[in-house]
Amino acid sequence: FVLAQGEEQSKAIGEVDEKTAGKRLTSIVHRAAFLQELLADA
């Protein structure tokens, strides 16, 4: 999360990665592709 305006422009105010979190983070998936897979064997 980064500030984009003002004197503090480009200041990160929140940051996490898998290493620092020690946990898996969000996965991003295309909606249509996920729906197709969920119904593939229906």
PDB file of all heavy atoms in Angstrom:
ATOM      1  N   PHE A   1       0.861  -1.183   0.000  1.00  0.00           N
ATOM      2  CA  PHE A   1       0.000   0.000   0.000  1.00  0.00           C
ATOM      3  C   PHE A   1       0.891   1.225   0.000  1.00  0.00           C
ATOM      4  O   PHE A   1       1.759   1.377   0.873  1.00  0.00           O
ATOM      5  CB  PHE A   1      -0.909   0.008   1.233  1.00  0.00           C
ATOM      6  CG  PHE A   1      -1.880  -1.143   1.278  1.00  0.00           C
ATOM      7  CD1 PHE A   1      -1.533  -2.341   1.891  1.00  0.00           C
ATOM      8  CD2 PHE A   1      -3.133  -1.029   0.704  1.00  0.00           C
ATOM      9  CE1 PHE A   1      -2.420  -3.404   1.936  1.00  0.00           C
ATOM     10  CE2 PHE A   1      -4.034  -2.082   0.745  1.00  0.00           C
ATOM     11  CZ  PHE A   1      -3.678  -3.271   1.363  1.00  0.00           C
ATOM     12  N   VAL A   2       0.663   2.122  -0.969  1.00  0.00           N
ATOM     13  CA  VAL A   2       1.579   3.250  -1.168  1.00  0.00           C
ATOM     14  C   VAL A   2       0.787   4.545  -1.318  1.00  0.00           C
ATOM     15  O   VAL A   2      -0.232   4.587  -2.013  1.00  0.00           O
ATOM     16  CB  VAL A   2       2.438   3.040  -2.437  1.00  0.00           C
ATOM     17  CG1 VAL A   2       3.522   4.111  -2.529  1.00  0.00           C
ATOM     18  CG2 VAL A   2       3.049   1.649  -2.459  1.00  0.00           C
ATOM     19  N   LEU A   3       1.258   5.625  -0.669  1.00  0.00           N
ATOM     20  CA  LEU A   3       0.681   6.945  -0.876  1.00  0.00           C
ATOM     21  C   LEU A   3       1.104   7.468  -2.237  1.00  0.00           C
ATOM     22  O   LEU A   3       2.275   7.389  -2.610  1.00  0.00           O
ATOM     23  CB  LEU A   3       1.155   7.914   0.208  1.00  0.00           C
ATOM     24  CG  LEU A   3       0.636   7.670   1.628  1.00  0.00           C
ATOM     25  CD1 LEU A   3       1.263   8.671   2.584  1.00  0.00           C
ATOM     26  CD2 LEU A   3      -0.872   7.759   1.691  1.00  0.00           C
ATOM     27  N   ALA A   4       0.151   8.032  -2.975  1.00  0.00           N
ATOM     28  CA  ALA A   4       0.453   8.468  -4.334  1.00  0.00           C
ATOM     29  C   ALA A   4       0.451   9.979  -4.496  1.00  0.00           C
ATOM     30  O   ALA A   4       0.776  10.476  -5.564  1.00  0.00           O
ATOM     31  CB  ALA A   4      -0.562   7.870  -5.307  1.00  0.00           C
ATOM     32  N   GLN A   5       0.082  10.722  -3.456  1.00  0.00           N
ATOM     33  CA  GLN A   5       0.020  12.173  -3.567  1.00  0.00           C
ATOM     34  C   GLN A   5       0.594  12.831  -2.315  1.00  0.00           C
ATOM     35  O   GLN A   5       0.728  12.184  -1.269  1.00  0.00           O
ATOM     36  CB  GLN A   5      -1.430  12.632  -3.754  1.00  0.00           C
ATOM     37  CG  GLN A   5      -1.999  12.345  -5.145  1.00  0.00           C
ATOM     38  CD  GLN A   5      -3.429  12.823  -5.252  1.00  0.00           C
ATOM     39  OE1 GLN A   5      -4.336  12.199  -4.741  1.00  0.00           O
ATOM     40  NE2 GLN A   5      -3.638  13.937  -5.932  1.00  0.00           N
ATOM     41  N   GLY A   6       0.896  14.098  -2.434  1.00  0.00           N
ATOM     42  CA  GLY A   6       1.359  14.862  -1.280  1.00  0.00           C
ATOM     43  C   GLY A   6       2.849  14.760  -1.050  1.00  0.00           C
ATOM     44  O   GLY A   6       3.595  14.146  -1.826  1.00  0.00           O
ATOM     45  N   GLU A   7       3.297  15.343   0.042  1.00  0.00           N
ATOM     46  CA  GLU A   7       4.727  15.379   0.348  1.00  0.00           C
ATOM     47  C   GLU A   7       5.294  13.995   0.613  1.00  0.00           C
ATOM     48  O   GLU A   7       6.500  13.773   0.451  1.00  0.00           O
ATOM     49  CB  GLU A   7       4.972  16.278   1.565  1.00  0.00           C
ATOM     50  CG  GLU A   7       4.627  17.742   1.318  1.00  0.00           C
ATOM     51  CD  GLU A   7       4.870  18.598   2.544  1.00  0.00           C
ATOM     52  OE1 GLU A   7       5.303  18.032   3.572  1.00  0.00           O
ATOM     53  OE2 GLU A   7       4.624  19.821   2.480  1.00  0.00           O
ATOM     54  N   GLU A   8       4.442  13.075   1.041  1.00  0.00           N
ATOM     55  CA  GLU A   8       4.903  11.713   1.345  1.00  0.00           C
ATOM     56  C   GLU A   8       4.665  10.765   0.177  1.00  0.00           C
ATOM     57  O   GLU A   8       4.567   9.560   0.357  1.00  0.00           O
ATOM     58  CB  GLU A   8       4.189  11.207   2.597  1.00  0.00           C
ATOM     59  CG  GLU A   8       4.522  12.018   3.840  1.00  0.00           C
ATOM     60  CD  GLU A   8       3.634  11.643   5.003  1.00  0.00           C
ATOM     61  OE1 GLU A   8       2.408  11.786   4.865  1.00  0.00           O
ATOM     62  OE2 GLU A   8       4.165  11.216   6.037  1.00  0.00           O
ATOM     63  N   GLN A   9       4.583  11.334  -1.006  1.00  0.00           N
ATOM     64  CA  GLN A   9       4.347  10.546  -2.208  1.00  0.00           C
ATOM     65  C   GLN A   9       5.317   9.359  -2.302  1.00  0.00           C
ATOM     66  O   GLN A   9       6.502   9.502  -2.042  1.00  0.00           O
ATOM     67  CB  GLN A   9       4.503  11.449  -3.430  1.00  0.00           C
ATOM     68  CG  GLN A   9       4.091  10.815  -4.741  1.00  0.00           C
ATOM     69  CD  GLN A   9       4.274  11.797  -5.880  1.00  0.00           C
ATOM     70  OE1 GLN A   9       5.264  11.746  -6.595  1.00  0.00           O
ATOM     71  NE2 GLN A   9       3.320  12.704  -6.040  1.00  0.00           N
ATOM     72  N   SER A  10       4.760   8.211  -2.667  1.00  0.00           N
ATOM     73  CA  SER A  10       5.495   6.951  -2.823  1.00  0.00           C
ATOM     74  C   SER A  10       5.954   6.352  -1.502  1.00  0.00           C
ATOM     75  O   SER A  10       6.788   5.439  -1.470  1.00  0.00           O
ATOM     76  CB  SER A  10       6.699   7.113  -3.767  1.00  0.00           C
ATOM     77  OG  SER A  10       6.247   7.487  -5.056  1.00  0.00           O
ATOM     78  N   LYS A  11       5.399   6.843  -0.384  1.00  0.00           N
ATOM     79  CA  LYS A  11       5.693   6.229   0.912  1.00  0.00           C
ATOM     80  C   LYS A  11       4.814   5.007   1.112  1.00  0.00           C
ATOM     81  O   LYS A  11       3.591   5.093   1.025  1.00  0.00           O
ATOM     82  CB  LYS A  11       5.435   7.219   2.043  1.00  0.00           C
ATOM     83  CG  LYS A  11       5.607   6.613   3.440  1.00  0.00           C
ATOM     84  CD  LYS A  11       5.262   7.600   4.537  1.00  0.00           C
ATOM     85  CE  LYS A  11       5.369   6.955   5.914  1.00  0.00           C
ATOM     86  NZ  LYS A  11       5.027   7.906   7.007  1.00  0.00           N
ATOM     87  N   ALA A  12       5.435   3.858   1.371  1.00  0.00           N
ATOM     88  CA  ALA A  12       4.677   2.641   1.640  1.00  0.00           C
ATOM     89  C   ALA A  12       4.149   2.688   3.072  1.00  0.00           C
ATOM     90  O   ALA A  12       4.913   2.898   4.021  1.00  0.00           O
ATOM     91  CB  ALA A  12       5.548   1.406   1.444  1.00  0.00           C
ATOM     92  N   ILE A  13       2.836   2.510   3.246  1.00  0.00           N
ATOM     93  CA  ILE A  13       2.263   2.537   4.598  1.00  0.00           C
ATOM     94  C   ILE A  13       1.768   1.146   5.022  1.00  0.00           C
ATOM     95  O   ILE A  13       1.184   0.999   6.085  1.00  0.00           O
ATOM     96  CB  ILE A  13       1.123   3.566   4.714  1.00  0.00           C
ATOM     97  CG1 ILE A  13      -0.063   3.186   3.818  1.00  0.00           C
ATOM     98  CG2 ILE A  13       1.621   4.940   4.378  1.00  0.00           C
ATOM     99  CD1 ILE A  13      -1.288   4.049   4.076  1.00  0.00           C
ATOM    100  N   GLY A  14       2.024   0.167   4.202  1.00  0.00           N
ATOM    101  CA  GLY A  14       1.693  -1.206   4.554  1.00  0.00           C
ATOM    102  C   GLY A  14       2.305  -2.125   3.525  1.00  0.00           C
ATOM    103  O   GLY A  14       2.177  -1.898   2.317  1.00  0.00           O
ATOM    104  N   GLU A  15       3.007  -3.155   3.988  1.00  0.00           N
ATOM    105  CA  GLU A  15       3.677  -4.050   3.045  1.00  0.00           C
ATOM    106  C   GLU A  15       3.880  -5.410   3.700  1.00  0.00           C
ATOM    107  O   GLU A  15       4.252  -5.498   4.865  1.00  0.00           O
ATOM    108  CB  GLU A  15       5.020  -3.463   2.617  1.00  0.00           C
ATOM    109  CG  GLU A  15       5.729  -4.262   1.544  1.00  0.00           C
ATOM    110  CD  GLU A  15       6.965  -3.537   1.010  1.00  0.00           C
ATOM    111  OE1 GLU A  15       7.150  -2.339   1.338  1.00  0.00           O
ATOM    112  OE2 GLU A  15       7.735  -4.172   0.273  1.00  0.00           O
ATOM    113  N   VAL A  16       3.610  -6.452   2.939  1.00  0.00           N
ATOM    114  CA  VAL A  16       3.813  -7.801   3.457  1.00  0.00           C
ATOM    115  C   VAL A  16       4.141  -8.710   2.282  1.00  0.00           C
ATOM    116  O   VAL A  16       3.678  -8.498   1.161  1.00  0.00           O
ATOM    117  CB  VAL A  16       2.557  -8.309   4.210  1.00  0.00           C
ATOM    118  CG1 VAL A  16       1.369  -8.482   3.276  1.00  0.00           C
ATOM    119  CG2 VAL A  16       2.843  -9.613   4.946  1.00  0.00           C
ATOM    120  N   ASP A  17       4.996  -9.689   2.526  1.00  0.00           N
ATOM    121  CA  ASP A  17       5.228 -10.737   1.534  1.00  0.00           C
ATOM    122  C   ASP A  17       5.153 -12.089   2.232  1.00  0.00           C
ATOM    123  O   ASP A  17       4.996 -12.165   3.454  1.00  0.00           O
ATOM    124  CB  ASP A  17       6.568 -10.559   0.815  1.00  0.00           C
ATOM    125  CG  ASP A  17       7.757 -10.517   1.761  1.00  0.00           C
ATOM    126  OD1 ASP A  17       7.724 -11.223   2.796  1.00  0.00           O
ATOM    127  OD2 ASP A  17       8.725  -9.793   1.469  1.00  0.00           O
ATOM    128  N   GLU A  18       5.226 -13.139   1.441  1.00  0.00           N
ATOM    129  CA  GLU A  18       5.060 -14.486   2.012  1.00  0.00           C
ATOM    130  C   GLU A  18       6.124 -14.784   3.062  1.00  0.00           C
ATOM    131  O   GLU A  18       5.855 -15.451   4.062  1.00  0.00           O
ATOM    132  CB  GLU A  18       5.116 -15.534   0.898  1.00  0.00           C
ATOM    133  CG  GLU A  18       3.853 -15.618   0.076  1.00  0.00           C
ATOM    134  CD  GLU A  18       3.876 -16.785  -0.879  1.00  0.00           C
ATOM    135  OE1 GLU A  18       4.973 -17.158  -1.339  1.00  0.00           O
ATOM    136  OE2 GLU A  18       2.802 -17.329  -1.179  1.00  0.00           O
ATOM    137  N   LYS A  19       7.326 -14.272   2.844  1.00  0.00           N
ATOM    138  CA  LYS A  19       8.407 -14.565   3.781  1.00  0.00           C
ATOM    139  C   LYS A  19       8.157 -13.901   5.132  1.00  0.00           C
ATOM    140  O   LYS A  19       8.275 -14.541   6.188  1.00  0.00           O
ATOM    141  CB  LYS A  19       9.742 -14.105   3.192  1.00  0.00           C
ATOM    142  CG  LYS A  19      10.940 -14.462   4.059  1.00  0.00           C
ATOM    143  CD  LYS A  19      12.236 -14.056   3.367  1.00  0.00           C
ATOM    144  CE  LYS A  19      13.444 -14.413   4.233  1.00  0.00           C
ATOM    145  NZ  LYS A  19      14.717 -14.021   3.571  1.00  0.00           N
ATOM    146  N   THR A  20       7.801 -12.606   5.102  1.00  0.00           N
ATOM    147  CA  THR A  20       7.590 -11.899   6.367  1.00  0.00           C
ATOM    148  C   THR A  20       6.295 -12.348   7.043  1.00  0.00           C
ATOM    149  O   THR A  20       6.209 -12.361   8.273  1.00  0.00           O
ATOM    150  CB  THR A  20       7.561 -10.385   6.139  1.00  0.00           C
ATOM    151  OG1 THR A  20       6.520 -10.069   5.202  1.00  0.00           O
ATOM    152  CG2 THR A  20       8.889  -9.898   5.599  1.00  0.00           C
ATOM    153  N   ALA A  21       5.293 -12.701   6.241  1.00  0.00           N
ATOM    154  CA  ALA A  21       4.022 -13.146   6.823  1.00  0.00           C
ATOM    155  C   ALA A  21       4.115 -14.568   7.350  1.00  0.00           C
ATOM    156  O   ALA A  21       3.416 -14.938   8.295  1.00  0.00           O
ATOM    157  CB  ALA A  21       2.910 -13.052   5.783  1.00  0.00           C
ATOM    158  N   GLY A  22       4.966 -15.364   6.728  1.00  0.00           N
ATOM    159  CA  GLY A  22       5.055 -16.771   7.109  1.00  0.00           C
ATOM    160  C   GLY A  22       3.829 -17.554   6.707  1.00  0.00           C
ATOM    161  O   GLY A  22       3.587 -18.668   7.191  1.00  0.00           O
ATOM    162  N   LYS A  23       3.029 -16.972   5.823  1.00  0.00           N
ATOM    163  CA  LYS A  23       1.778 -17.603   5.391  1.00  0.00           C
ATOM    164  C   LYS A  23       1.586 -17.323   3.911  1.00  0.00           C
ATOM    165  O   LYS A  23       2.142 -16.380   3.362  1.00  0.00           O
ATOM    166  CB  LYS A  23       0.579 -17.030   6.162  1.00  0.00           C
ATOM    167  CG  LYS A  23       0.668 -17.152   7.677  1.00  0.00           C
ATOM    168  CD  LYS A  23      -0.445 -16.373   8.341  1.00  0.00           C
ATOM    169  CE  LYS A  23      -0.310 -16.419   9.851  1.00  0.00           C
ATOM    170  NZ  LYS A  23      -1.337 -15.576  10.525  1.00  0.00           N
ATOM    171  N   ARG A  24       0.753 -18.134   3.277  1.00  0.00           N
ATOM    172  CA  ARG A  24       0.435 -17.869   1.878  1.00  0.00           C
ATOM    173  C   ARG A  24      -0.464 -16.637   1.793  1.00  0.00           C
ATOM    174  O   ARG A  24      -1.247 -16.343   2.687  1.00  0.00           O
ATOM    175  CB  ARG A  24      -0.266 -19.071   1.244  1.00  0.00           C
ATOM    176  CG  ARG A  24      -1.585 -19.438   1.893  1.00  0.00           C
ATOM    177  CD  ARG A  24      -2.122 -20.722   1.333  1.00  0.00           C
ATOM    178  NE  ARG A  24      -3.288 -21.171   2.081  1.00  0.00           N
ATOM    179  CZ  ARG A  24      -3.859 -22.345   1.931  1.00  0.00           C
ATOM    180  NH1 ARG A  24      -3.367 -23.204   1.059  1.00  0.00           N
ATOM    181  NH2 ARG A  24      -4.915 -22.674   2.640  1.00  0.00           N
ATOM    182  N   LEU A  25      -0.331 -15.909   0.687  1.00  0.00           N
ATOM    183  CA  LEU A  25      -1.128 -14.722   0.468  1.00  0.00           C
ATOM    184  C   LEU A  25      -2.219 -15.017  -0.557  1.00  0.00           C
ATOM    185  O   LEU A  25      -2.449 -16.170  -0.924  1.00  0.00           O
ATOM    186  CB  LEU A  25      -0.231 -13.574   0.021  1.00  0.00           C
ATOM    187  CG  LEU A  25       0.914 -13.216   0.983  1.00  0.00           C
ATOM    188  CD1 LEU A  25       1.749 -12.092   0.396  1.00  0.00           C
ATOM    189  CD2 LEU A  25       0.371 -12.822   2.353  1.00  0.00           C
ATOM    190  N   THR A  26      -2.851 -13.982  -1.018  1.00  0.00           N
ATOM    191  CA  THR A  26      -3.946 -14.115  -1.971  1.00  0.00           C
ATOM    192  C   THR A  26      -3.450 -14.653  -3.312  1.00  0.00           C
ATOM    193  O   THR A  26      -2.349 -14.318  -3.764  1.00  0.00           O
ATOM    194  CB  THR A  26      -4.611 -12.744  -2.177  1.00  0.00           C
ATOM    195  OG1 THR A  26      -5.159 -12.314  -0.938  1.00  0.00           O
ATOM    196  CG2 THR A  26      -5.708 -12.804  -3.220  1.00  0.00           C
ATOM    197  N   SER A  27      -4.272 -15.480  -3.957  1.00  0.00           N
ATOM    198  CA  SER A  27      -4.049 -15.859  -5.349  1.00  0.00           C
ATOM    199  C   SER A  27      -5.059 -15.114  -6.211  1.00  0.00           C
ATOM    200  O   SER A  27      -6.216 -14.924  -5.803  1.00  0.00           O
ATOM    201  CB  SER A  27      -4.221 -17.366  -5.538  1.00  0.00           C
ATOM    202  OG  SER A  27      -3.160 -18.075  -4.937  1.00  0.00           O
ATOM    203  N   ILE A  28      -4.638 -14.684  -7.387  1.00  0.00           N
ATOM    204  CA  ILE A  28      -5.507 -13.967  -8.310  1.00  0.00           C
ATOM    205  C   ILE A  28      -5.865 -14.901  -9.456  1.00  0.00           C
ATOM    206  O   ILE A  28      -4.985 -15.532 -10.047  1.00  0.00           O
ATOM    207  CB  ILE A  28      -4.816 -12.704  -8.868  1.00  0.00           C
ATOM    208  CG1 ILE A  28      -4.288 -11.828  -7.728  1.00  0.00           C
ATOM    209  CG2 ILE A  28      -5.773 -11.913  -9.746  1.00  0.00           C
ATOM    210  CD1 ILE A  28      -5.349 -11.278  -6.815  1.00  0.00           C
ATOM    211  N   VAL A  29      -7.152 -15.003  -9.770  1.00  0.00           N
ATOM    212  CA  VAL A  29      -7.590 -15.920 -10.821  1.00  0.00           C
ATOM    213  C   VAL A  29      -8.646 -15.238 -11.678  1.00  0.00           C
ATOM    214  O   VAL A  29      -9.430 -14.417 -11.196  1.00  0.00           O
ATOM    215  CB  VAL A  29      -8.150 -17.234 -10.206  1.00  0.00           C
ATOM    216  CG1 VAL A  29      -9.444 -16.996  -9.434  1.00  0.00           C
ATOM    217  CG2 VAL A  29      -8.338 -18.305 -11.274  1.00  0.00           C
ATOM    218  N   HIS A  30      -8.643 -15.566 -12.948  1.00  0.00           N
ATOM    219  CA  HIS A  30      -9.660 -15.054 -13.864  1.00  0.00           C
ATOM    220  C   HIS A  30     -10.990 -15.719 -13.536  1.00  0.00           C
ATOM    221  O   HIS A  30     -11.089 -16.944 -13.420  1.00  0.00           O
ATOM    222  CB  HIS A  30      -9.251 -15.358 -15.312  1.00  0.00           C
ATOM    223  CG  HIS A  30      -9.934 -14.499 -16.319  1.00  0.00           C
ATOM    224  ND1 HIS A  30     -11.244 -14.670 -16.654  1.00  0.00           N
ATOM    225  CD2 HIS A  30      -9.477 -13.447 -17.053  1.00  0.00           C
ATOM    226  CE1 HIS A  30     -11.587 -13.779 -17.568  1.00  0.00           C
ATOM    227  NE2 HIS A  30     -10.537 -13.017 -17.823  1.00  0.00           N
ATOM    228  N   ARG A  31     -12.032 -14.911 -13.378  1.00  0.00           N
ATOM    229  CA  ARG A  31     -13.336 -15.421 -12.948  1.00  0.00           C
ATOM    230  C   ARG A  31     -13.871 -16.509 -13.893  1.00  0.00           C
ATOM    231  O   ARG A  31     -14.337 -17.563 -13.452  1.00  0.00           O
ATOM    232  CB  ARG A  31     -14.356 -14.281 -12.885  1.00  0.00           C
ATOM    233  CG  ARG A  31     -14.156 -13.312 -11.745  1.00  0.00           C
ATOM    234  CD  ARG A  31     -15.107 -12.132 -11.878  1.00  0.00           C
ATOM    235  NE  ARG A  31     -15.009 -11.214 -10.752  1.00  0.00           N
ATOM    236  CZ  ARG A  31     -15.735 -11.282  -9.660  1.00  0.00           C
ATOM    237  NH1 ARG A  31     -16.665 -12.226  -9.543  1.00  0.00           N
ATOM    238  NH2 ARG A  31     -15.594 -10.416  -8.683  1.00  0.00           N
ATOM    239  N   ALA A  32     -13.835 -16.208 -15.201  1.00  0.00           N
ATOM    240  CA  ALA A  32     -14.413 -17.137 -16.173  1.00  0.00           C
ATOM    241  C   ALA A  32     -13.686 -18.480 -16.160  1.00  0.00           C
ATOM    242  O   ALA A  32     -14.313 -19.545 -16.253  1.00  0.00           O
ATOM    243  CB  ALA A  32     -14.377 -16.521 -17.568  1.00  0.00           C
ATOM    244  N   ALA A  33     -12.363 -18.440 -16.031  1.00  0.00           N
ATOM    245  CA  ALA A  33     -11.594 -19.682 -16.014  1.00  0.00           C
ATOM    246  C   ALA A  33     -11.912 -20.516 -14.779  1.00  0.00           C
ATOM    247  O   ALA A  33     -12.042 -21.749 -14.857  1.00  0.00           O
ATOM    248  CB  ALA A  33     -10.099 -19.366 -16.072  1.00  0.00           C
ATOM    249  N   PHE A  34     -12.060 -19.865 -13.623  1.00  0.00           N
ATOM    250  CA  PHE A  34     -12.374 -20.583 -12.388  1.00  0.00           C
ATOM    251  C   PHE A  34     -13.768 -21.207 -12.473  1.00  0.00           C
ATOM    252  O   PHE A  34     -13.976 -22.366 -12.098  1.00  0.00           O
ATOM    253  CB  PHE A  34     -12.273 -19.616 -11.209  1.00  0.00           C
ATOM    254  CG  PHE A  34     -12.299 -20.283  -9.852  1.00  0.00           C
ATOM    255  CD1 PHE A  34     -11.961 -21.624  -9.686  1.00  0.00           C
ATOM    256  CD2 PHE A  34     -12.650 -19.550  -8.724  1.00  0.00           C
ATOM    257  CE1 PHE A  34     -11.988 -22.230  -8.428  1.00  0.00           C
ATOM    258  CE2 PHE A  34     -12.679 -20.141  -7.459  1.00  0.00           C
ATOM    259  CZ  PHE A  34     -12.354 -21.479  -7.324  1.00  0.00           C
ATOM    260  N   LEU A  35     -14.733 -20.452 -12.982  1.00  0.00           N
ATOM    261  CA  LEU A  35     -16.091 -20.989 -13.136  1.00  0.00           C
ATOM    262  C   LEU A  35     -16.092 -22.211 -14.044  1.00  0.00           C
ATOM    263  O   LEU A  35     -16.731 -23.228 -13.747  1.00  0.00           O
ATOM    264  CB  LEU A  35     -17.013 -19.912 -13.697  1.00  0.00           C
ATOM    265  CG  LEU A  35     -18.464 -20.342 -13.937  1.00  0.00           C
ATOM    266  CD1 LEU A  35     -19.192 -20.530 -12.616  1.00  0.00           C
ATOM    267  CD2 LEU A  35     -19.203 -19.328 -14.799  1.00  0.00           C
ATOM    268  N   GLN A  36     -15.355 -22.125 -15.138  1.00  0.00           N
ATOM    269  CA  GLN A  36     -15.288 -23.250 -16.081  1.00  0.00           C
ATOM    270  C   GLN A  36     -14.733 -24.499 -15.410  1.00  0.00           C
ATOM    271  O   GLN A  36     -15.246 -25.609 -15.615  1.00  0.00           O
ATOM    272  CB  GLN A  36     -14.416 -22.853 -17.280  1.00  0.00           C
ATOM    273  CG  GLN A  36     -14.320 -23.935 -18.350  1.00  0.00           C
ATOM    274  CD  GLN A  36     -13.461 -23.486 -19.531  1.00  0.00           C
ATOM    275  OE1 GLN A  36     -13.043 -22.328 -19.605  1.00  0.00           O
ATOM    276  NE2 GLN A  36     -13.217 -24.398 -20.444  1.00  0.00           N
ATOM    277  N   GLU A  37     -13.709 -24.341 -14.594  1.00  0.00           N
ATOM    278  CA  GLU A  37     -13.124 -25.493 -13.912  1.00  0.00           C
ATOM    279  C   GLU A  37     -14.065 -26.069 -12.854  1.00  0.00           C
ATOM    280  O   GLU A  37     -14.142 -27.285 -12.681  1.00  0.00           O
ATOM    281  CB  GLU A  37     -11.793 -25.100 -13.270  1.00  0.00           C
ATOM    282  CG  GLU A  37     -10.677 -24.809 -14.266  1.00  0.00           C
ATOM    283  CD  GLU A  37     -10.299 -26.028 -15.093  1.00  0.00           C
ATOM    284  OE1 GLU A  37     -10.447 -27.158 -14.596  1.00  0.00           O
ATOM    285  OE2 GLU A  37      -9.859 -25.838 -16.238  1.00  0.00           O
ATOM    286  N   LEU A  38     -14.788 -25.212 -12.156  1.00  0.00           N
ATOM    287  CA  LEU A  38     -15.711 -25.696 -11.119  1.00  0.00           C
ATOM    288  C   LEU A  38     -16.828 -26.548 -11.716  1.00  0.00           C
ATOM    289  O   LEU A  38     -17.324 -27.482 -11.076  1.00  0.00           O
ATOM    290  CB  LEU A  38     -16.309 -24.510 -10.355  1.00  0.00           C
ATOM    291  CG  LEU A  38     -15.387 -23.793  -9.378  1.00  0.00           C
ATOM    292  CD1 LEU A  38     -16.010 -22.488  -8.911  1.00  0.00           C
ATOM    293  CD2 LEU A  38     -15.065 -24.687  -8.167  1.00  0.00           C
ATOM    294  N   LEU A  39     -17.221 -26.231 -12.937  1.00  0.00           N
ATOM    295  CA  LEU A  39     -18.321 -26.958 -13.575  1.00  0.00           C
ATOM    296  C   LEU A  39     -17.844 -27.973 -14.608  1.00  0.00           C
ATOM    297  O   LEU A  39     -18.656 -28.565 -15.318  1.00  0.00           O
ATOM    298  CB  LEU A  39     -19.280 -25.964 -14.244  1.00  0.00           C
ATOM    299  CG  LEU A  39     -19.986 -24.968 -13.305  1.00  0.00           C
ATOM    300  CD1 LEU A  39     -20.864 -24.014 -14.104  1.00  0.00           C
ATOM    301  CD2 LEU A  39     -20.806 -25.703 -12.258  1.00  0.00           C
ATOM    302  N   ALA A  40     -16.541 -28.198 -14.679  1.00  0.00           N
ATOM    303  CA  ALA A  40     -15.981 -29.050 -15.736  1.00  0.00           C
ATOM    304  C   ALA A  40     -16.541 -30.464 -15.717  1.00  0.00           C
ATOM    305  O   ALA A  40     -16.770 -31.063 -16.773  1.00  0.00           O
ATOM    306  CB  ALA A  40     -14.458 -29.066 -15.628  1.00  0.00           C
ATOM    307  N   ASP A  41     -16.753 -31.030 -14.529  1.00  0.00           N
ATOM    308  CA  ASP A  41     -17.234 -32.416 -14.468  1.00  0.00           C
ATOM    309  C   ASP A  41     -18.690 -32.494 -14.007  1.00  0.00           C
ATOM    310  O   ASP A  41     -19.155 -33.535 -13.559  1.00  0.00           O
ATOM    311  CB  ASP A  41     -16.346 -33.238 -13.532  1.00  0.00           C
ATOM    312  CG  ASP A  41     -16.426 -32.764 -12.079  1.00  0.00           C
ATOM    313  OD1 ASP A  41     -16.942 -31.653 -11.842  1.00  0.00           O
ATOM    314  OD2 ASP A  41     -15.962 -33.515 -11.189  1.00  0.00           O
ATOM    315  N   ALA A  42     -19.417 -31.393 -14.116  1.00  0.00           N
ATOM    316  CA  ALA A  42     -20.806 -31.372 -13.651  1.00  0.00           C
ATOM    317  C   ALA A  42     -21.703 -32.169 -14.588  1.00  0.00           C
ATOM    318  O   ALA A  42     -21.548 -32.084 -15.817  1.00  0.00           O
ATOM    319  CB  ALA A  42     -21.300 -29.936 -13.575  1.00  0.00           C
TER     320      ALA A  42
END
